[in-house]
N, C-alpha and C. Protein backbone atom coordinates (compact mmCIF):
# COMPACT_ATOMS: atom_id res chain seq x y z
N UNK A 1 0.85 -1.20 0.00
CA UNK A 1 0.00 0.00 0.00
C UNK A 1 0.89 1.25 0.00
N UNK A 2 0.61 2.19 -0.86
CA UNK A 2 1.43 3.40 -1.00
C UNK A 2 1.19 4.37 0.15
N UNK A 3 2.15 5.32 0.31
CA UNK A 3 2.04 6.32 1.39
C UNK A 3 0.77 7.15 1.19
N UNK A 4 0.48 7.47 -0.07
CA UNK A 4 -0.71 8.28 -0.38
C UNK A 4 -1.98 7.58 0.08
N UNK A 5 -2.03 6.26 -0.18
CA UNK A 5 -3.21 5.49 0.23
C UNK A 5 -3.33 5.43 1.76
N UNK A 6 -2.15 5.29 2.41
CA UNK A 6 -2.14 5.27 3.88
C UNK A 6 -2.67 6.58 4.45
N UNK A 7 -2.23 7.68 3.86
CA UNK A 7 -2.67 9.00 4.30
C UNK A 7 -4.18 9.19 4.12
N UNK A 8 -4.66 8.70 3.00
CA UNK A 8 -6.10 8.80 2.72
C UNK A 8 -6.89 7.99 3.74
N UNK A 9 -6.42 6.80 4.07
CA UNK A 9 -7.08 5.93 5.05
C UNK A 9 -7.11 6.60 6.42
N UNK A 10 -5.94 7.17 6.82
CA UNK A 10 -5.86 7.86 8.11
C UNK A 10 -6.80 9.06 8.14
N UNK A 11 -6.84 9.78 7.01
CA UNK A 11 -7.71 10.95 6.89
C UNK A 11 -9.18 10.57 7.06
N UNK A 12 -9.57 9.45 6.45
CA UNK A 12 -10.96 8.97 6.54
C UNK A 12 -11.29 8.57 7.98
N UNK A 13 -10.32 7.94 8.65
CA UNK A 13 -10.52 7.53 10.04
C UNK A 13 -10.71 8.75 10.94
N UNK A 14 -9.89 9.79 10.69
CA UNK A 14 -10.02 11.02 11.44
C UNK A 14 -11.40 11.66 11.24
N UNK A 15 -11.85 11.64 9.98
CA UNK A 15 -13.18 12.20 9.67
C UNK A 15 -14.27 11.44 10.42
N UNK A 16 -14.12 10.10 10.44
CA UNK A 16 -15.10 9.26 11.12
C UNK A 16 -15.12 9.55 12.61
N UNK A 17 -13.90 9.63 13.20
CA UNK A 17 -13.81 9.95 14.64
C UNK A 17 -14.37 11.33 14.94
N UNK A 18 -14.10 12.25 14.02
CA UNK A 18 -14.60 13.61 14.19
C UNK A 18 -16.13 13.64 14.23
N UNK A 19 -16.75 12.83 13.35
CA UNK A 19 -18.23 12.75 13.30
C UNK A 19 -18.78 12.16 14.60
N UNK A 20 -18.06 11.14 15.12
CA UNK A 20 -18.51 10.51 16.38
C UNK A 20 -18.46 11.52 17.51
N UNK A 21 -17.34 12.25 17.63
CA UNK A 21 -17.19 13.26 18.68
C UNK A 21 -18.23 14.36 18.52
N UNK A 22 -18.49 14.72 17.26
CA UNK A 22 -19.47 15.77 16.99
C UNK A 22 -20.86 15.34 17.43
N UNK A 23 -21.21 14.07 17.12
CA UNK A 23 -22.52 13.53 17.52
C UNK A 23 -22.63 13.48 19.04
N UNK A 24 -21.54 13.02 19.69
CA UNK A 24 -21.53 12.93 21.16
C UNK A 24 -21.70 14.31 21.77
N UNK A 25 -21.04 15.29 21.20
CA UNK A 25 -21.11 16.66 21.70
C UNK A 25 -22.55 17.20 21.56
N UNK A 26 -23.17 16.90 20.40
CA UNK A 26 -24.55 17.35 20.16
C UNK A 26 -25.50 16.74 21.18
N UNK A 27 -25.31 15.44 21.43
CA UNK A 27 -26.17 14.74 22.39
C UNK A 27 -26.01 15.35 23.78
N UNK A 28 -24.74 15.59 24.15
CA UNK A 28 -24.45 16.18 25.45
C UNK A 28 -25.08 17.57 25.57
N UNK A 29 -24.99 18.35 24.50
CA UNK A 29 -25.54 19.69 24.49
C UNK A 29 -27.07 19.65 24.63
N UNK A 30 -27.69 18.71 23.90
CA UNK A 30 -29.15 18.55 23.98
C UNK A 30 -29.56 18.15 25.39
N UNK A 31 -28.77 17.22 25.99
CA UNK A 31 -29.09 16.75 27.34
C UNK A 31 -29.05 17.90 28.34
N UNK A 32 -27.99 18.70 28.27
CA UNK A 32 -27.87 19.81 29.22
C UNK A 32 -28.94 20.87 28.99
N UNK A 33 -29.33 21.06 27.76
CA UNK A 33 -30.37 22.05 27.46
C UNK A 33 -31.73 21.61 28.02
N UNK A 34 -32.00 20.29 27.89
CA UNK A 34 -33.32 19.78 28.30
C UNK A 34 -33.25 18.83 29.50
N UNK A 35 -32.19 18.95 30.30
CA UNK A 35 -31.98 17.97 31.37
C UNK A 35 -33.13 17.94 32.37
N UNK A 36 -33.72 19.12 32.67
CA UNK A 36 -34.82 19.14 33.64
C UNK A 36 -36.06 18.45 33.10
N UNK A 37 -36.25 18.53 31.79
CA UNK A 37 -37.39 17.81 31.17
C UNK A 37 -37.15 16.31 31.28
N UNK A 38 -35.91 15.88 30.97
CA UNK A 38 -35.58 14.44 31.07
C UNK A 38 -35.72 13.95 32.51
N UNK A 39 -35.22 14.77 33.45
CA UNK A 39 -35.31 14.40 34.86
C UNK A 39 -36.79 14.33 35.28
N UNK A 40 -37.60 15.28 34.79
CA UNK A 40 -39.03 15.29 35.09
C UNK A 40 -39.74 14.05 34.58
N UNK A 41 -39.42 13.65 33.35
CA UNK A 41 -40.04 12.45 32.74
C UNK A 41 -39.68 11.21 33.55
N UNK A 42 -38.39 11.09 33.91
CA UNK A 42 -37.94 9.94 34.71
C UNK A 42 -38.65 9.93 36.07
N UNK A 43 -38.77 11.13 36.67
CA UNK A 43 -39.44 11.23 37.98
C UNK A 43 -40.91 10.82 37.89
N UNK A 44 -41.59 11.28 36.83
CA UNK A 44 -43.01 10.93 36.62
C UNK A 44 -43.17 9.41 36.44
N UNK A 45 -42.29 8.81 35.62
CA UNK A 45 -42.34 7.37 35.39
C UNK A 45 -42.10 6.60 36.69
N UNK A 46 -41.17 7.09 37.49
CA UNK A 46 -40.86 6.45 38.77
C UNK A 46 -42.04 6.54 39.72
N UNK A 47 -42.67 7.74 39.78
CA UNK A 47 -43.84 7.93 40.64
C UNK A 47 -44.99 7.02 40.21
N UNK A 48 -45.21 6.93 38.88
CA UNK A 48 -46.27 6.05 38.36
C UNK A 48 -46.02 4.60 38.72
N UNK A 49 -44.76 4.18 38.62
CA UNK A 49 -44.40 2.80 38.96
C UNK A 49 -44.65 2.52 40.44
N UNK A 50 -44.25 3.49 41.30
CA UNK A 50 -44.46 3.32 42.75
C UNK A 50 -45.97 3.30 43.07
N UNK A 51 -46.72 4.23 42.43
CA UNK A 51 -48.17 4.31 42.66
C UNK A 51 -48.86 3.00 42.25
N UNK A 52 -48.51 2.48 41.07
CA UNK A 52 -49.11 1.22 40.58
C UNK A 52 -48.77 0.06 41.50
N UNK A 53 -47.53 0.01 41.96
CA UNK A 53 -47.10 -1.07 42.86
C UNK A 53 -47.88 -1.03 44.16
N UNK A 54 -47.99 0.18 44.74
CA UNK A 54 -48.72 0.33 46.02
C UNK A 54 -50.20 0.01 45.82
N UNK A 55 -50.79 0.49 44.70
CA UNK A 55 -52.21 0.25 44.40
C UNK A 55 -52.49 -1.25 44.28
N UNK A 56 -51.62 -1.95 43.54
CA UNK A 56 -51.78 -3.40 43.37
C UNK A 56 -51.67 -4.13 44.71
N UNK A 57 -50.71 -3.68 45.53
CA UNK A 57 -50.50 -4.30 46.84
C UNK A 57 -51.73 -4.10 47.74
N UNK A 58 -52.28 -2.87 47.73
CA UNK A 58 -53.46 -2.57 48.55
C UNK A 58 -54.69 -3.35 48.07
N UNK A 59 -54.84 -3.45 46.74
CA UNK A 59 -55.97 -4.20 46.18
C UNK A 59 -55.88 -5.67 46.55
N UNK A 60 -54.67 -6.21 46.52
CA UNK A 60 -54.46 -7.61 46.89
C UNK A 60 -54.79 -7.82 48.36
N UNK A 61 -54.32 -6.89 49.20
CA UNK A 61 -54.58 -6.96 50.63
C UNK A 61 -56.08 -6.86 50.91
N UNK A 62 -56.74 -5.94 50.21
CA UNK A 62 -58.19 -5.74 50.36
C UNK A 62 -58.96 -6.99 49.94
N UNK A 63 -58.53 -7.61 48.84
CA UNK A 63 -59.18 -8.84 48.34
C UNK A 63 -59.03 -9.97 49.35
N UNK A 64 -57.85 -10.08 49.97
CA UNK A 64 -57.62 -11.12 50.97
C UNK A 64 -58.50 -10.91 52.20
N UNK A 65 -58.62 -9.64 52.62
CA UNK A 65 -59.48 -9.32 53.77
C UNK A 65 -60.95 -9.60 53.46
N UNK A 66 -61.37 -9.25 52.24
CA UNK A 66 -62.76 -9.51 51.81
C UNK A 66 -63.05 -11.01 51.80
N UNK A 67 -62.08 -11.80 51.32
CA UNK A 67 -62.25 -13.26 51.28
C UNK A 67 -62.39 -13.83 52.69
N UNK A 68 -61.59 -13.26 53.59
CA UNK A 68 -61.64 -13.72 54.99
C UNK A 68 -63.00 -13.41 55.62
N UNK A 69 -63.50 -12.18 55.37
CA UNK A 69 -64.81 -11.78 55.90
C UNK A 69 -65.92 -12.64 55.30
N UNK A 70 -65.80 -12.91 53.98
CA UNK A 70 -66.80 -13.74 53.29
C UNK A 70 -66.86 -15.13 53.91
N UNK A 71 -65.68 -15.70 54.20
CA UNK A 71 -65.62 -17.03 54.82
C UNK A 71 -66.26 -17.01 56.20
N UNK A 72 -66.04 -15.94 56.95
CA UNK A 72 -66.66 -15.80 58.28
C UNK A 72 -68.17 -15.69 58.18
N UNK A 73 -68.63 -14.97 57.13
CA UNK A 73 -70.08 -14.81 56.92
C UNK A 73 -70.77 -16.14 56.64
N UNK A 74 -70.04 -17.05 56.01
CA UNK A 74 -70.61 -18.38 55.72
C UNK A 74 -70.85 -19.15 57.01
N UNK A 75 -69.99 -18.86 58.00
CA UNK A 75 -70.13 -19.53 59.30
C UNK A 75 -71.12 -18.83 60.21
N UNK A 76 -71.07 -17.49 60.18
CA UNK A 76 -71.90 -16.70 61.09
C UNK A 76 -72.35 -15.42 60.39
N UNK A 77 -73.60 -15.37 60.00
CA UNK A 77 -74.14 -14.22 59.26
C UNK A 77 -74.58 -13.13 60.25
N UNK A 78 -73.71 -12.13 60.42
CA UNK A 78 -74.04 -11.04 61.34
C UNK A 78 -74.02 -9.70 60.59
N UNK A 79 -74.82 -8.72 61.04
CA UNK A 79 -74.83 -7.40 60.38
C UNK A 79 -73.46 -6.73 60.39
N UNK A 80 -72.68 -6.96 61.47
CA UNK A 80 -71.35 -6.34 61.59
C UNK A 80 -70.41 -6.85 60.50
N UNK A 81 -70.41 -8.17 60.31
CA UNK A 81 -69.56 -8.77 59.27
C UNK A 81 -70.00 -8.32 57.88
N UNK A 82 -71.31 -8.25 57.68
CA UNK A 82 -71.82 -7.83 56.37
C UNK A 82 -71.43 -6.38 56.07
N UNK A 83 -71.47 -5.55 57.11
CA UNK A 83 -71.08 -4.14 56.95
C UNK A 83 -69.59 -4.03 56.58
N UNK A 84 -68.77 -4.88 57.20
CA UNK A 84 -67.34 -4.91 56.88
C UNK A 84 -67.12 -5.33 55.43
N UNK A 85 -67.90 -6.33 54.99
CA UNK A 85 -67.77 -6.81 53.61
C UNK A 85 -68.19 -5.73 52.61
N UNK A 86 -69.22 -4.96 52.95
CA UNK A 86 -69.68 -3.87 52.09
C UNK A 86 -68.59 -2.83 51.86
N UNK A 87 -67.79 -2.57 52.91
CA UNK A 87 -66.70 -1.60 52.80
C UNK A 87 -65.55 -2.14 51.95
N UNK A 88 -65.25 -3.43 52.12
CA UNK A 88 -64.11 -4.03 51.44
C UNK A 88 -64.45 -4.46 50.00
N UNK A 89 -65.65 -5.02 49.81
CA UNK A 89 -66.03 -5.52 48.48
C UNK A 89 -67.53 -5.30 48.27
N UNK A 90 -67.93 -4.08 47.90
CA UNK A 90 -69.36 -3.76 47.77
C UNK A 90 -70.10 -4.64 46.77
N UNK A 91 -69.45 -5.01 45.66
CA UNK A 91 -70.11 -5.85 44.65
C UNK A 91 -70.41 -7.25 45.19
N UNK A 92 -69.45 -7.79 45.94
CA UNK A 92 -69.65 -9.11 46.55
C UNK A 92 -70.76 -9.07 47.59
N UNK A 93 -70.79 -8.00 48.38
CA UNK A 93 -71.84 -7.83 49.39
C UNK A 93 -73.22 -7.74 48.73
N UNK A 94 -73.28 -7.02 47.62
CA UNK A 94 -74.54 -6.87 46.90
C UNK A 94 -74.99 -8.20 46.30
N UNK A 95 -74.01 -8.98 45.83
CA UNK A 95 -74.33 -10.30 45.29
C UNK A 95 -74.90 -11.21 46.38
N UNK A 96 -74.33 -11.14 47.58
CA UNK A 96 -74.84 -11.93 48.71
C UNK A 96 -76.25 -11.50 49.08
N UNK A 97 -76.48 -10.18 49.03
CA UNK A 97 -77.82 -9.65 49.31
C UNK A 97 -78.83 -10.18 48.27
N UNK A 98 -78.39 -10.25 47.02
CA UNK A 98 -79.24 -10.77 45.94
C UNK A 98 -79.56 -12.24 46.18
N UNK A 99 -78.53 -13.01 46.53
CA UNK A 99 -78.73 -14.45 46.77
C UNK A 99 -79.73 -14.68 47.90
N UNK A 100 -79.56 -13.89 48.97
CA UNK A 100 -80.46 -14.02 50.12
C UNK A 100 -81.89 -13.64 49.75
N UNK A 101 -82.03 -12.58 48.95
CA UNK A 101 -83.36 -12.12 48.52
C UNK A 101 -84.06 -13.18 47.67
N UNK A 102 -83.29 -13.84 46.80
CA UNK A 102 -83.86 -14.89 45.94
C UNK A 102 -84.26 -16.09 46.79
N UNK A 103 -83.40 -16.48 47.73
CA UNK A 103 -83.68 -17.63 48.60
C UNK A 103 -84.93 -17.40 49.44
N UNK A 104 -85.09 -16.17 49.93
CA UNK A 104 -86.22 -15.85 50.82
C UNK A 104 -87.45 -15.35 50.07
N UNK A 105 -87.31 -15.18 48.75
CA UNK A 105 -88.43 -14.65 47.97
C UNK A 105 -88.80 -13.24 48.43
N UNK A 106 -87.79 -12.45 48.76
CA UNK A 106 -87.98 -11.11 49.30
C UNK A 106 -88.18 -10.11 48.15
N UNK A 107 -89.42 -9.81 47.85
CA UNK A 107 -89.74 -8.91 46.73
C UNK A 107 -89.24 -7.49 46.96
N UNK A 108 -89.31 -7.03 48.21
CA UNK A 108 -88.87 -5.67 48.53
C UNK A 108 -87.36 -5.51 48.32
N UNK A 109 -86.60 -6.51 48.77
CA UNK A 109 -85.14 -6.48 48.59
C UNK A 109 -84.78 -6.56 47.11
N UNK A 110 -85.50 -7.38 46.36
CA UNK A 110 -85.25 -7.51 44.92
C UNK A 110 -85.55 -6.21 44.20
N UNK A 111 -86.60 -5.52 44.65
CA UNK A 111 -86.95 -4.23 44.05
C UNK A 111 -85.82 -3.22 44.24
N UNK A 112 -85.24 -3.21 45.43
CA UNK A 112 -84.11 -2.30 45.71
C UNK A 112 -82.90 -2.67 44.87
N UNK A 113 -82.63 -3.96 44.76
CA UNK A 113 -81.48 -4.43 44.00
C UNK A 113 -81.63 -4.19 42.50
N UNK A 114 -82.86 -4.03 42.04
CA UNK A 114 -83.09 -3.78 40.61
C UNK A 114 -82.55 -2.40 40.19
N UNK A 115 -82.20 -1.57 41.18
CA UNK A 115 -81.60 -0.25 40.91
C UNK A 115 -80.08 -0.25 41.09
N UNK A 116 -79.51 -1.45 41.19
CA UNK A 116 -78.06 -1.57 41.41
C UNK A 116 -77.26 -0.99 40.24
N UNK A 117 -76.06 -0.48 40.54
CA UNK A 117 -75.17 0.02 39.49
C UNK A 117 -74.55 -1.13 38.71
N UNK A 118 -74.53 -2.30 39.33
CA UNK A 118 -74.03 -3.50 38.66
C UNK A 118 -75.14 -4.02 37.73
N UNK A 119 -74.91 -4.00 36.43
CA UNK A 119 -75.96 -4.34 35.46
C UNK A 119 -76.46 -5.78 35.62
N UNK A 120 -75.55 -6.72 35.93
CA UNK A 120 -75.96 -8.12 36.11
C UNK A 120 -76.92 -8.25 37.28
N UNK A 121 -76.55 -7.66 38.41
CA UNK A 121 -77.39 -7.74 39.62
C UNK A 121 -78.73 -7.07 39.39
N UNK A 122 -78.71 -5.89 38.76
CA UNK A 122 -79.96 -5.15 38.50
C UNK A 122 -80.91 -5.95 37.61
N UNK A 123 -80.39 -6.52 36.52
CA UNK A 123 -81.23 -7.27 35.58
C UNK A 123 -81.75 -8.56 36.20
N UNK A 124 -80.87 -9.24 36.95
CA UNK A 124 -81.29 -10.50 37.57
C UNK A 124 -82.35 -10.26 38.64
N UNK A 125 -82.20 -9.16 39.40
CA UNK A 125 -83.19 -8.81 40.42
C UNK A 125 -84.55 -8.51 39.79
N UNK A 126 -84.53 -7.77 38.67
CA UNK A 126 -85.78 -7.48 37.95
C UNK A 126 -86.45 -8.77 37.47
N UNK A 127 -85.63 -9.64 36.91
CA UNK A 127 -86.14 -10.93 36.39
C UNK A 127 -86.75 -11.76 37.52
N UNK A 128 -86.01 -11.89 38.62
CA UNK A 128 -86.49 -12.71 39.74
C UNK A 128 -87.76 -12.13 40.36
N UNK A 129 -87.82 -10.81 40.46
CA UNK A 129 -89.00 -10.16 41.04
C UNK A 129 -90.24 -10.39 40.17
N UNK A 130 -90.04 -10.25 38.86
CA UNK A 130 -91.15 -10.50 37.92
C UNK A 130 -91.58 -11.96 37.97
N UNK A 131 -90.62 -12.86 38.15
CA UNK A 131 -90.92 -14.30 38.25
C UNK A 131 -91.73 -14.59 39.50
N UNK A 132 -91.29 -14.00 40.63
CA UNK A 132 -92.00 -14.24 41.90
C UNK A 132 -93.44 -13.75 41.82
N UNK A 133 -93.62 -12.60 41.21
CA UNK A 133 -94.96 -12.02 41.10
C UNK A 133 -95.78 -12.65 39.96
N UNK A 134 -95.07 -13.41 39.12
CA UNK A 134 -95.70 -13.98 37.90
C UNK A 134 -96.34 -12.86 37.09
N UNK A 135 -95.59 -11.79 36.98
CA UNK A 135 -96.08 -10.59 36.29
C UNK A 135 -95.68 -10.65 34.81
N UNK A 136 -96.62 -10.98 33.96
CA UNK A 136 -96.37 -11.14 32.53
C UNK A 136 -95.89 -9.83 31.90
N UNK A 137 -96.48 -8.73 32.31
CA UNK A 137 -96.10 -7.42 31.75
C UNK A 137 -94.67 -7.03 32.10
N UNK A 138 -94.30 -7.24 33.38
CA UNK A 138 -92.93 -6.92 33.81
C UNK A 138 -91.91 -7.83 33.13
N UNK A 139 -92.26 -9.08 32.95
CA UNK A 139 -91.36 -10.00 32.24
C UNK A 139 -91.13 -9.52 30.81
N UNK A 140 -92.16 -8.96 30.21
CA UNK A 140 -92.05 -8.46 28.84
C UNK A 140 -91.15 -7.25 28.70
N UNK A 141 -90.89 -6.56 29.83
CA UNK A 141 -90.05 -5.36 29.79
C UNK A 141 -88.57 -5.67 30.00
N UNK A 142 -88.27 -6.92 30.35
CA UNK A 142 -86.88 -7.28 30.65
C UNK A 142 -86.11 -7.57 29.37
N UNK A 143 -84.96 -6.93 29.24
CA UNK A 143 -84.07 -7.15 28.09
C UNK A 143 -82.70 -7.60 28.60
N UNK A 144 -81.70 -7.45 27.78
CA UNK A 144 -80.34 -7.75 28.22
C UNK A 144 -80.09 -9.23 28.41
N UNK A 145 -79.27 -9.54 29.43
CA UNK A 145 -78.81 -10.91 29.65
C UNK A 145 -79.94 -11.89 29.94
N UNK A 146 -81.01 -11.41 30.56
CA UNK A 146 -82.10 -12.29 30.96
C UNK A 146 -83.36 -12.09 30.11
N UNK A 147 -83.20 -11.37 29.01
CA UNK A 147 -84.34 -11.08 28.14
C UNK A 147 -85.00 -12.32 27.57
N UNK A 148 -84.19 -13.26 27.08
CA UNK A 148 -84.74 -14.48 26.48
C UNK A 148 -85.41 -15.37 27.52
N UNK A 149 -84.78 -15.47 28.71
CA UNK A 149 -85.39 -16.25 29.80
C UNK A 149 -86.72 -15.65 30.21
N UNK A 150 -86.76 -14.31 30.25
CA UNK A 150 -88.00 -13.62 30.61
C UNK A 150 -89.09 -13.90 29.58
N UNK A 151 -88.71 -13.90 28.30
CA UNK A 151 -89.69 -14.22 27.24
C UNK A 151 -90.22 -15.65 27.40
N UNK A 152 -89.30 -16.57 27.71
CA UNK A 152 -89.69 -17.97 27.89
C UNK A 152 -90.69 -18.10 29.03
N UNK A 153 -90.38 -17.46 30.16
CA UNK A 153 -91.26 -17.51 31.32
C UNK A 153 -92.59 -16.82 31.02
N UNK A 154 -92.52 -15.73 30.28
CA UNK A 154 -93.73 -15.00 29.88
C UNK A 154 -94.65 -15.90 29.05
N UNK A 155 -94.05 -16.60 28.09
CA UNK A 155 -94.82 -17.52 27.24
C UNK A 155 -95.43 -18.64 28.07
N UNK A 156 -94.65 -19.16 29.01
CA UNK A 156 -95.12 -20.25 29.87
C UNK A 156 -96.35 -19.82 30.67
N UNK A 157 -96.30 -18.60 31.23
CA UNK A 157 -97.43 -18.08 32.01
C UNK A 157 -98.66 -17.84 31.12
N UNK A 158 -98.40 -17.38 29.90
CA UNK A 158 -99.52 -17.16 28.96
C UNK A 158 -100.18 -18.48 28.58
N UNK A 159 -99.38 -19.54 28.44
CA UNK A 159 -99.94 -20.86 28.14
C UNK A 159 -100.84 -21.33 29.28
N UNK A 160 -100.38 -21.08 30.51
CA UNK A 160 -101.19 -21.45 31.67
C UNK A 160 -102.51 -20.68 31.69
N UNK A 161 -102.48 -19.45 31.14
CA UNK A 161 -103.71 -18.64 31.06
C UNK A 161 -104.51 -18.94 29.78
N UNK A 162 -104.06 -19.97 29.03
CA UNK A 162 -104.72 -20.39 27.77
C UNK A 162 -104.63 -19.34 26.67
N UNK A 163 -103.63 -18.47 26.75
CA UNK A 163 -103.43 -17.45 25.71
C UNK A 163 -102.32 -17.95 24.77
N UNK A 164 -102.68 -18.97 24.01
CA UNK A 164 -101.71 -19.71 23.21
C UNK A 164 -101.09 -18.87 22.08
N UNK A 165 -101.94 -18.12 21.38
CA UNK A 165 -101.45 -17.33 20.24
C UNK A 165 -100.40 -16.31 20.69
N UNK A 166 -100.65 -15.65 21.83
CA UNK A 166 -99.68 -14.68 22.35
C UNK A 166 -98.38 -15.36 22.75
N UNK A 167 -98.53 -16.55 23.36
CA UNK A 167 -97.36 -17.31 23.78
C UNK A 167 -96.50 -17.69 22.57
N UNK A 168 -97.15 -18.14 21.49
CA UNK A 168 -96.44 -18.52 20.26
C UNK A 168 -95.67 -17.34 19.68
N UNK A 169 -96.31 -16.18 19.70
CA UNK A 169 -95.69 -14.97 19.16
C UNK A 169 -94.41 -14.61 19.93
N UNK A 170 -94.49 -14.73 21.26
CA UNK A 170 -93.34 -14.41 22.11
C UNK A 170 -92.22 -15.43 21.90
N UNK A 171 -92.57 -16.69 21.82
CA UNK A 171 -91.56 -17.75 21.63
C UNK A 171 -90.85 -17.59 20.29
N UNK A 172 -91.58 -17.18 19.28
CA UNK A 172 -90.97 -16.96 17.95
C UNK A 172 -90.01 -15.77 17.95
N UNK A 173 -90.21 -14.85 18.91
CA UNK A 173 -89.35 -13.66 18.98
C UNK A 173 -87.98 -13.96 19.61
N UNK A 174 -87.84 -15.14 20.21
CA UNK A 174 -86.54 -15.52 20.80
C UNK A 174 -85.57 -15.80 19.66
N UNK A 175 -84.41 -15.14 19.62
CA UNK A 175 -83.46 -15.29 18.50
C UNK A 175 -82.95 -16.72 18.31
N UNK A 176 -82.58 -17.04 17.08
CA UNK A 176 -82.08 -18.38 16.75
C UNK A 176 -80.79 -18.72 17.50
N UNK A 177 -79.97 -17.70 17.77
CA UNK A 177 -78.69 -17.96 18.43
C UNK A 177 -78.80 -17.97 19.96
N UNK A 178 -80.02 -17.88 20.49
CA UNK A 178 -80.22 -17.89 21.93
C UNK A 178 -79.93 -19.27 22.52
N UNK A 179 -79.40 -19.28 23.74
CA UNK A 179 -79.08 -20.55 24.40
C UNK A 179 -80.34 -21.33 24.79
N UNK A 180 -81.50 -20.66 24.83
CA UNK A 180 -82.73 -21.37 25.18
C UNK A 180 -83.66 -21.55 23.97
N UNK A 181 -83.12 -21.37 22.78
CA UNK A 181 -83.97 -21.50 21.58
C UNK A 181 -84.57 -22.89 21.45
N UNK A 182 -83.75 -23.91 21.75
CA UNK A 182 -84.25 -25.29 21.65
C UNK A 182 -85.38 -25.54 22.64
N UNK A 183 -85.23 -25.00 23.85
CA UNK A 183 -86.28 -25.13 24.87
C UNK A 183 -87.55 -24.41 24.42
N UNK A 184 -87.36 -23.24 23.81
CA UNK A 184 -88.53 -22.48 23.34
C UNK A 184 -89.26 -23.23 22.23
N UNK A 185 -88.49 -23.95 21.39
CA UNK A 185 -89.11 -24.75 20.33
C UNK A 185 -89.92 -25.90 20.91
N UNK A 186 -89.37 -26.52 21.97
CA UNK A 186 -90.09 -27.62 22.63
C UNK A 186 -91.39 -27.11 23.27
N UNK A 187 -91.29 -25.97 23.95
CA UNK A 187 -92.49 -25.39 24.57
C UNK A 187 -93.51 -25.01 23.50
N UNK A 188 -93.01 -24.48 22.41
CA UNK A 188 -93.89 -24.08 21.31
C UNK A 188 -94.60 -25.30 20.71
N UNK A 189 -93.84 -26.39 20.60
CA UNK A 189 -94.39 -27.59 19.95
C UNK A 189 -95.35 -28.36 20.85
N UNK A 190 -94.93 -28.58 22.12
CA UNK A 190 -95.72 -29.43 23.01
C UNK A 190 -96.66 -28.66 23.93
N UNK A 191 -96.27 -27.44 24.31
CA UNK A 191 -97.09 -26.72 25.28
C UNK A 191 -97.94 -25.63 24.68
N UNK A 192 -97.53 -25.12 23.52
CA UNK A 192 -98.23 -23.96 22.96
C UNK A 192 -98.86 -24.28 21.62
N UNK A 193 -99.45 -25.45 21.51
CA UNK A 193 -100.17 -25.77 20.27
C UNK A 193 -101.45 -24.95 20.22
N UNK A 194 -101.63 -24.20 19.14
CA UNK A 194 -102.82 -23.35 19.02
C UNK A 194 -104.05 -24.21 18.72
N UNK A 195 -105.07 -24.18 19.59
CA UNK A 195 -106.27 -24.95 19.32
C UNK A 195 -106.94 -24.52 18.03
N UNK A 196 -107.67 -25.44 17.45
CA UNK A 196 -108.33 -25.20 16.16
C UNK A 196 -109.25 -23.98 16.21
N UNK A 197 -110.01 -23.85 17.36
CA UNK A 197 -110.93 -22.71 17.48
C UNK A 197 -110.19 -21.39 17.44
N UNK A 198 -109.03 -21.33 18.14
CA UNK A 198 -108.28 -20.07 18.20
C UNK A 198 -107.70 -19.77 16.84
N UNK A 199 -107.29 -20.82 16.09
CA UNK A 199 -106.73 -20.61 14.74
C UNK A 199 -107.77 -20.00 13.82
N UNK A 200 -109.01 -20.42 13.95
CA UNK A 200 -110.06 -19.94 13.05
C UNK A 200 -110.54 -18.53 13.38
N UNK A 201 -110.20 -18.08 14.59
CA UNK A 201 -110.67 -16.73 14.99
C UNK A 201 -109.89 -15.64 14.32
């Protein structure tokens, strides 16, 4: 390799090193210019991490305490324990209240629970209350998760009242993809056969 080529190689290496130093200097300059912003971002991320860790730890502790209170309630149902459960796990306490209302056929409690913020509890309470009262009109107003079951029960009550045509109409309104569609077909076939006289009317 000639001296000229060696010089060119060294020159290129110097240029490369110069670019590296220049880039490093730019980065350093940017860091010093915006260092408080960088420090602020790191501090915020650290605070968020600490907050999330503490929140998760408290939620876990709360869940363990709620489980303990729930287990005690199974052994001894007292207002004091129930009040403690309401503070630790309000949704679980409301579910227990719903279960008790259904077991006791407590229409007043079910009516209160029908206004729950929990959509499942509210809908189930409405459904159970309408079932207990055998209220065909109220069953007809139920939609959502228990809408199809309410229609089925509504049709069943109408059949008992000999209102076969109305029952058939309600059973046909149950969607094909419903989990109780097969049951509704059986009820329609065996329980809701329209008598000849009603067909001719």
